[in-house]
Amino acid sequence: MTVGPTEWLVIAAIAMLLIGPKKLPDLARAMGSAQKEYEDARKTSKTKKTVERKEEDLLIEQAKRLGIKTDGKSIDQIAQEVLQKADEESKKLQVESDSESEVEEESIEAVE
């Protein structure tokens, strides 16, 4: 429901009677400021929700890439499984790297 020009005139007339013509500009300024703060807060809230949703989508996408089933699981459970899988992969890479280093050291010793 929107407020039309007639309603605004009635509201302004009542405000002038109750508040007085000297304080009316201050009241209007305060109301405008309050409305601006409300709109800013609403936009910030929407932005936060959008960012959170994108982060959740990225997490689910990463879980699927790692072969983790996401059906029926909470975001926290999925995040935990992704971290566990990433830790396992990191350990595998470390073992492979250590093995390659040992082979290189043996090759260098054999050459010497």
N, C-alpha and C. Protein backbone atom coordinates (compact mmCIF):
# COMPACT_ATOMS: atom_id res chain seq x y z
N MET A 1 0.84 -1.17 0.00
CA MET A 1 0.00 0.00 0.00
C MET A 1 0.89 1.24 0.00
N THR A 2 0.63 2.13 -0.94
CA THR A 2 1.42 3.35 -1.02
C THR A 2 0.61 4.53 -0.48
N VAL A 3 1.34 5.50 -0.03
CA VAL A 3 0.71 6.71 0.50
C VAL A 3 0.69 7.74 -0.62
N GLY A 4 -0.50 8.23 -0.95
CA GLY A 4 -0.66 9.20 -2.03
C GLY A 4 -0.47 10.63 -1.55
N PRO A 5 -0.57 11.59 -2.46
CA PRO A 5 -0.34 13.00 -2.10
C PRO A 5 -1.35 13.53 -1.09
N THR A 6 -2.58 13.08 -1.19
CA THR A 6 -3.60 13.55 -0.24
C THR A 6 -3.27 13.09 1.17
N GLU A 7 -2.85 11.85 1.28
CA GLU A 7 -2.49 11.32 2.60
C GLU A 7 -1.30 12.08 3.19
N TRP A 8 -0.32 12.40 2.32
CA TRP A 8 0.85 13.14 2.81
C TRP A 8 0.45 14.53 3.33
N LEU A 9 -0.48 15.15 2.66
CA LEU A 9 -0.95 16.47 3.12
C LEU A 9 -1.62 16.36 4.49
N VAL A 10 -2.44 15.34 4.67
CA VAL A 10 -3.10 15.13 5.96
C VAL A 10 -2.06 14.85 7.05
N ILE A 11 -1.10 14.02 6.74
CA ILE A 11 -0.05 13.71 7.71
C ILE A 11 0.74 14.98 8.06
N ALA A 12 1.08 15.78 7.06
CA ALA A 12 1.83 17.01 7.30
C ALA A 12 1.02 17.99 8.15
N ALA A 13 -0.27 18.09 7.89
CA ALA A 13 -1.12 19.00 8.67
C ALA A 13 -1.19 18.55 10.13
N ILE A 14 -1.36 17.28 10.35
CA ILE A 14 -1.42 16.76 11.73
C ILE A 14 -0.08 16.96 12.43
N ALA A 15 1.02 16.71 11.68
CA ALA A 15 2.35 16.89 12.27
C ALA A 15 2.58 18.34 12.65
N MET A 16 2.15 19.27 11.82
CA MET A 16 2.33 20.69 12.14
C MET A 16 1.54 21.07 13.38
N LEU A 17 0.35 20.50 13.52
CA LEU A 17 -0.45 20.80 14.71
C LEU A 17 0.18 20.22 15.97
N LEU A 18 0.68 19.00 15.87
CA LEU A 18 1.25 18.34 17.05
C LEU A 18 2.66 18.83 17.39
N ILE A 19 3.48 19.01 16.40
CA ILE A 19 4.90 19.31 16.64
C ILE A 19 5.17 20.81 16.54
N GLY A 20 4.55 21.45 15.62
CA GLY A 20 4.81 22.88 15.41
C GLY A 20 5.66 23.07 14.18
N PRO A 21 5.49 24.20 13.52
CA PRO A 21 6.19 24.43 12.25
C PRO A 21 7.70 24.57 12.40
N LYS A 22 8.19 24.95 13.59
CA LYS A 22 9.63 25.14 13.75
C LYS A 22 10.38 23.81 13.84
N LYS A 23 9.78 22.80 14.43
CA LYS A 23 10.47 21.52 14.61
C LYS A 23 10.17 20.53 13.49
N LEU A 24 9.25 20.86 12.61
CA LEU A 24 8.87 19.95 11.53
C LEU A 24 10.04 19.61 10.60
N PRO A 25 10.88 20.58 10.18
CA PRO A 25 12.01 20.23 9.32
C PRO A 25 12.98 19.26 10.01
N ASP A 26 13.20 19.45 11.31
CA ASP A 26 14.08 18.52 12.04
C ASP A 26 13.49 17.12 12.07
N LEU A 27 12.19 17.03 12.28
CA LEU A 27 11.52 15.73 12.29
C LEU A 27 11.62 15.07 10.93
N ALA A 28 11.38 15.83 9.87
CA ALA A 28 11.46 15.28 8.51
C ALA A 28 12.88 14.79 8.21
N ARG A 29 13.88 15.55 8.64
CA ARG A 29 15.27 15.17 8.44
C ARG A 29 15.59 13.87 9.19
N ALA A 30 15.11 13.78 10.42
CA ALA A 30 15.34 12.57 11.22
C ALA A 30 14.66 11.35 10.59
N MET A 31 13.43 11.55 10.08
CA MET A 31 12.73 10.45 9.43
C MET A 31 13.46 10.01 8.16
N GLY A 32 13.95 10.97 7.39
CA GLY A 32 14.71 10.63 6.18
C GLY A 32 15.99 9.87 6.51
N SER A 33 16.65 10.31 7.55
CA SER A 33 17.88 9.64 7.99
C SER A 33 17.59 8.21 8.45
N ALA A 34 16.50 8.06 9.20
CA ALA A 34 16.13 6.72 9.68
C ALA A 34 15.79 5.81 8.51
N GLN A 35 15.09 6.35 7.52
CA GLN A 35 14.75 5.54 6.35
C GLN A 35 16.00 5.12 5.58
N LYS A 36 16.96 6.03 5.45
CA LYS A 36 18.21 5.71 4.76
C LYS A 36 18.98 4.62 5.50
N GLU A 37 19.05 4.71 6.82
CA GLU A 37 19.73 3.68 7.60
C GLU A 37 19.05 2.32 7.45
N TYR A 38 17.72 2.34 7.43
CA TYR A 38 16.96 1.11 7.26
C TYR A 38 17.27 0.47 5.90
N GLU A 39 17.28 1.28 4.84
CA GLU A 39 17.56 0.76 3.50
C GLU A 39 18.98 0.22 3.41
N ASP A 40 19.94 0.93 4.01
CA ASP A 40 21.33 0.47 4.00
C ASP A 40 21.46 -0.87 4.72
N ALA A 41 20.80 -0.99 5.87
CA ALA A 41 20.85 -2.25 6.63
C ALA A 41 20.21 -3.38 5.83
N ARG A 42 19.12 -3.09 5.15
CA ARG A 42 18.45 -4.11 4.35
C ARG A 42 19.34 -4.58 3.20
N LYS A 43 20.01 -3.65 2.55
CA LYS A 43 20.92 -4.00 1.45
C LYS A 43 22.09 -4.83 1.97
N THR A 44 22.64 -4.46 3.12
CA THR A 44 23.75 -5.20 3.71
C THR A 44 23.31 -6.62 4.05
N SER A 45 22.13 -6.76 4.59
CA SER A 45 21.61 -8.08 4.93
C SER A 45 21.46 -8.94 3.69
N LYS A 46 20.94 -8.38 2.61
CA LYS A 46 20.79 -9.13 1.37
C LYS A 46 22.15 -9.55 0.83
N THR A 47 23.12 -8.64 0.90
CA THR A 47 24.46 -8.94 0.41
C THR A 47 25.08 -10.08 1.20
N LYS A 48 24.95 -10.06 2.52
CA LYS A 48 25.49 -11.13 3.35
C LYS A 48 24.87 -12.47 3.00
N LYS A 49 23.55 -12.48 2.82
CA LYS A 49 22.87 -13.73 2.49
C LYS A 49 23.34 -14.25 1.15
N THR A 50 23.54 -13.37 0.19
CA THR A 50 24.00 -13.77 -1.14
C THR A 50 25.40 -14.36 -1.06
N VAL A 51 26.28 -13.72 -0.31
CA VAL A 51 27.65 -14.21 -0.15
C VAL A 51 27.65 -15.58 0.54
N GLU A 52 26.85 -15.73 1.59
CA GLU A 52 26.78 -17.01 2.28
C GLU A 52 26.28 -18.10 1.35
N ARG A 53 25.27 -17.78 0.55
CA ARG A 53 24.72 -18.76 -0.39
C ARG A 53 25.78 -19.16 -1.42
N LYS A 54 26.55 -18.20 -1.92
CA LYS A 54 27.60 -18.50 -2.89
C LYS A 54 28.67 -19.38 -2.27
N GLU A 55 29.04 -19.09 -1.03
CA GLU A 55 30.04 -19.90 -0.34
C GLU A 55 29.55 -21.33 -0.17
N GLU A 56 28.28 -21.51 0.19
CA GLU A 56 27.72 -22.85 0.34
C GLU A 56 27.71 -23.58 -0.99
N ASP A 57 27.35 -22.87 -2.07
CA ASP A 57 27.35 -23.49 -3.40
C ASP A 57 28.74 -23.93 -3.80
N LEU A 58 29.75 -23.10 -3.52
CA LEU A 58 31.13 -23.45 -3.84
C LEU A 58 31.59 -24.66 -3.04
N LEU A 59 31.20 -24.72 -1.79
CA LEU A 59 31.57 -25.85 -0.93
C LEU A 59 30.96 -27.14 -1.46
N ILE A 60 29.70 -27.10 -1.83
CA ILE A 60 29.02 -28.28 -2.36
C ILE A 60 29.66 -28.71 -3.68
N GLU A 61 29.98 -27.73 -4.52
CA GLU A 61 30.64 -28.04 -5.80
C GLU A 61 31.99 -28.72 -5.57
N GLN A 62 32.76 -28.21 -4.62
CA GLN A 62 34.07 -28.79 -4.30
C GLN A 62 33.91 -30.21 -3.76
N ALA A 63 32.90 -30.41 -2.92
CA ALA A 63 32.65 -31.74 -2.36
C ALA A 63 32.34 -32.73 -3.47
N LYS A 64 31.54 -32.32 -4.42
CA LYS A 64 31.20 -33.21 -5.54
C LYS A 64 32.43 -33.53 -6.38
N ARG A 65 33.31 -32.54 -6.57
CA ARG A 65 34.56 -32.79 -7.31
C ARG A 65 35.44 -33.81 -6.60
N LEU A 66 35.39 -33.79 -5.28
CA LEU A 66 36.19 -34.74 -4.50
C LEU A 66 35.51 -36.09 -4.34
N GLY A 67 34.30 -36.22 -4.88
CA GLY A 67 33.59 -37.49 -4.81
C GLY A 67 32.83 -37.69 -3.51
N ILE A 68 32.51 -36.62 -2.85
CA ILE A 68 31.77 -36.69 -1.58
C ILE A 68 30.29 -36.51 -1.88
N LYS A 69 29.48 -37.42 -1.34
CA LYS A 69 28.03 -37.30 -1.52
C LYS A 69 27.50 -36.24 -0.56
N THR A 70 26.67 -35.34 -1.08
CA THR A 70 26.18 -34.23 -0.28
C THR A 70 24.71 -34.34 0.08
N ASP A 71 24.00 -35.30 -0.47
CA ASP A 71 22.56 -35.43 -0.21
C ASP A 71 22.28 -35.72 1.26
N GLY A 72 21.38 -34.93 1.84
CA GLY A 72 20.94 -35.15 3.21
C GLY A 72 21.94 -34.73 4.28
N LYS A 73 23.00 -34.03 3.90
CA LYS A 73 24.01 -33.61 4.87
C LYS A 73 23.93 -32.11 5.08
N SER A 74 24.28 -31.69 6.28
CA SER A 74 24.32 -30.25 6.57
C SER A 74 25.59 -29.66 5.97
N ILE A 75 25.62 -28.35 5.88
CA ILE A 75 26.81 -27.66 5.35
C ILE A 75 28.03 -27.94 6.24
N ASP A 76 27.82 -28.00 7.55
CA ASP A 76 28.93 -28.29 8.46
C ASP A 76 29.49 -29.69 8.22
N GLN A 77 28.62 -30.67 7.99
CA GLN A 77 29.08 -32.02 7.73
C GLN A 77 29.86 -32.09 6.42
N ILE A 78 29.35 -31.40 5.41
CA ILE A 78 30.03 -31.39 4.11
C ILE A 78 31.40 -30.73 4.25
N ALA A 79 31.44 -29.61 4.96
CA ALA A 79 32.72 -28.90 5.16
C ALA A 79 33.72 -29.80 5.88
N GLN A 80 33.28 -30.53 6.88
CA GLN A 80 34.17 -31.43 7.63
C GLN A 80 34.72 -32.51 6.71
N GLU A 81 33.86 -33.09 5.86
CA GLU A 81 34.31 -34.14 4.95
C GLU A 81 35.27 -33.59 3.89
N VAL A 82 35.02 -32.38 3.42
CA VAL A 82 35.92 -31.77 2.45
C VAL A 82 37.29 -31.56 3.09
N LEU A 83 37.31 -31.08 4.32
CA LEU A 83 38.59 -30.87 5.02
C LEU A 83 39.33 -32.19 5.22
N GLN A 84 38.60 -33.24 5.60
CA GLN A 84 39.23 -34.54 5.78
C GLN A 84 39.82 -35.06 4.47
N LYS A 85 39.05 -34.94 3.41
CA LYS A 85 39.49 -35.40 2.10
C LYS A 85 40.71 -34.60 1.63
N ALA A 86 40.69 -33.30 1.85
CA ALA A 86 41.82 -32.45 1.47
C ALA A 86 43.06 -32.81 2.28
N ASP A 87 42.89 -33.12 3.55
CA ASP A 87 44.01 -33.54 4.39
C ASP A 87 44.61 -34.85 3.88
N GLU A 88 43.73 -35.80 3.51
CA GLU A 88 44.20 -37.07 2.97
C GLU A 88 44.99 -36.85 1.68
N GLU A 89 44.46 -36.01 0.80
CA GLU A 89 45.13 -35.72 -0.47
C GLU A 89 46.49 -35.06 -0.22
N SER A 90 46.52 -34.17 0.75
CA SER A 90 47.78 -33.49 1.08
C SER A 90 48.83 -34.48 1.58
N LYS A 91 48.39 -35.41 2.41
CA LYS A 91 49.32 -36.44 2.91
C LYS A 91 49.83 -37.32 1.78
N LYS A 92 48.95 -37.69 0.84
CA LYS A 92 49.37 -38.50 -0.30
C LYS A 92 50.41 -37.76 -1.12
N LEU A 93 50.18 -36.48 -1.37
CA LEU A 93 51.13 -35.69 -2.14
C LEU A 93 52.47 -35.57 -1.42
N GLN A 94 52.42 -35.45 -0.10
CA GLN A 94 53.65 -35.35 0.68
C GLN A 94 54.45 -36.64 0.58
N VAL A 95 53.75 -37.79 0.66
CA VAL A 95 54.42 -39.09 0.56
C VAL A 95 55.04 -39.24 -0.83
N GLU A 96 54.31 -38.86 -1.87
CA GLU A 96 54.84 -38.94 -3.23
C GLU A 96 56.05 -38.03 -3.39
N SER A 97 55.97 -36.84 -2.84
CA SER A 97 57.08 -35.89 -2.93
C SER A 97 58.31 -36.43 -2.21
N ASP A 98 58.09 -37.02 -1.03
CA ASP A 98 59.20 -37.59 -0.27
C ASP A 98 59.84 -38.74 -1.05
N SER A 99 59.02 -39.56 -1.69
CA SER A 99 59.54 -40.68 -2.48
C SER A 99 60.36 -40.18 -3.65
N GLU A 100 59.90 -39.16 -4.33
CA GLU A 100 60.63 -38.60 -5.45
C GLU A 100 61.95 -37.99 -4.99
N SER A 101 61.95 -37.37 -3.84
CA SER A 101 63.18 -36.78 -3.31
C SER A 101 64.21 -37.86 -3.01
N GLU A 102 63.75 -38.99 -2.44
CA GLU A 102 64.65 -40.09 -2.14
C GLU A 102 65.25 -40.66 -3.41
N VAL A 103 64.45 -40.81 -4.46
CA VAL A 103 64.94 -41.34 -5.74
C VAL A 103 65.97 -40.38 -6.33
N GLU A 104 65.73 -39.08 -6.26
CA GLU A 104 66.68 -38.10 -6.77
C GLU A 104 67.98 -38.15 -5.99
N GLU A 105 67.91 -38.30 -4.67
CA GLU A 105 69.12 -38.37 -3.85
C GLU A 105 69.91 -39.62 -4.18
N GLU A 106 69.22 -40.74 -4.40
CA GLU A 106 69.90 -41.97 -4.78
C GLU A 106 70.55 -41.83 -6.13
N SER A 107 69.91 -41.14 -7.06
CA SER A 107 70.48 -40.94 -8.41
C SER A 107 71.73 -40.08 -8.31
N ILE A 108 71.68 -39.07 -7.47
CA ILE A 108 72.85 -38.18 -7.31
C ILE A 108 73.98 -38.94 -6.67
N GLU A 109 73.69 -39.77 -5.68
CA GLU A 109 74.74 -40.56 -5.03
C GLU A 109 75.32 -41.57 -5.99
N ALA A 110 74.51 -42.14 -6.87
CA ALA A 110 74.99 -43.11 -7.83
C ALA A 110 75.92 -42.45 -8.85
N VAL A 111 75.64 -41.22 -9.21
CA VAL A 111 76.47 -40.51 -10.17
C VAL A 111 77.81 -40.17 -9.56
N GLU A 112 77.84 -39.87 -8.32
CA GLU A 112 79.07 -39.45 -7.63
C GLU A 112 79.90 -40.66 -7.44
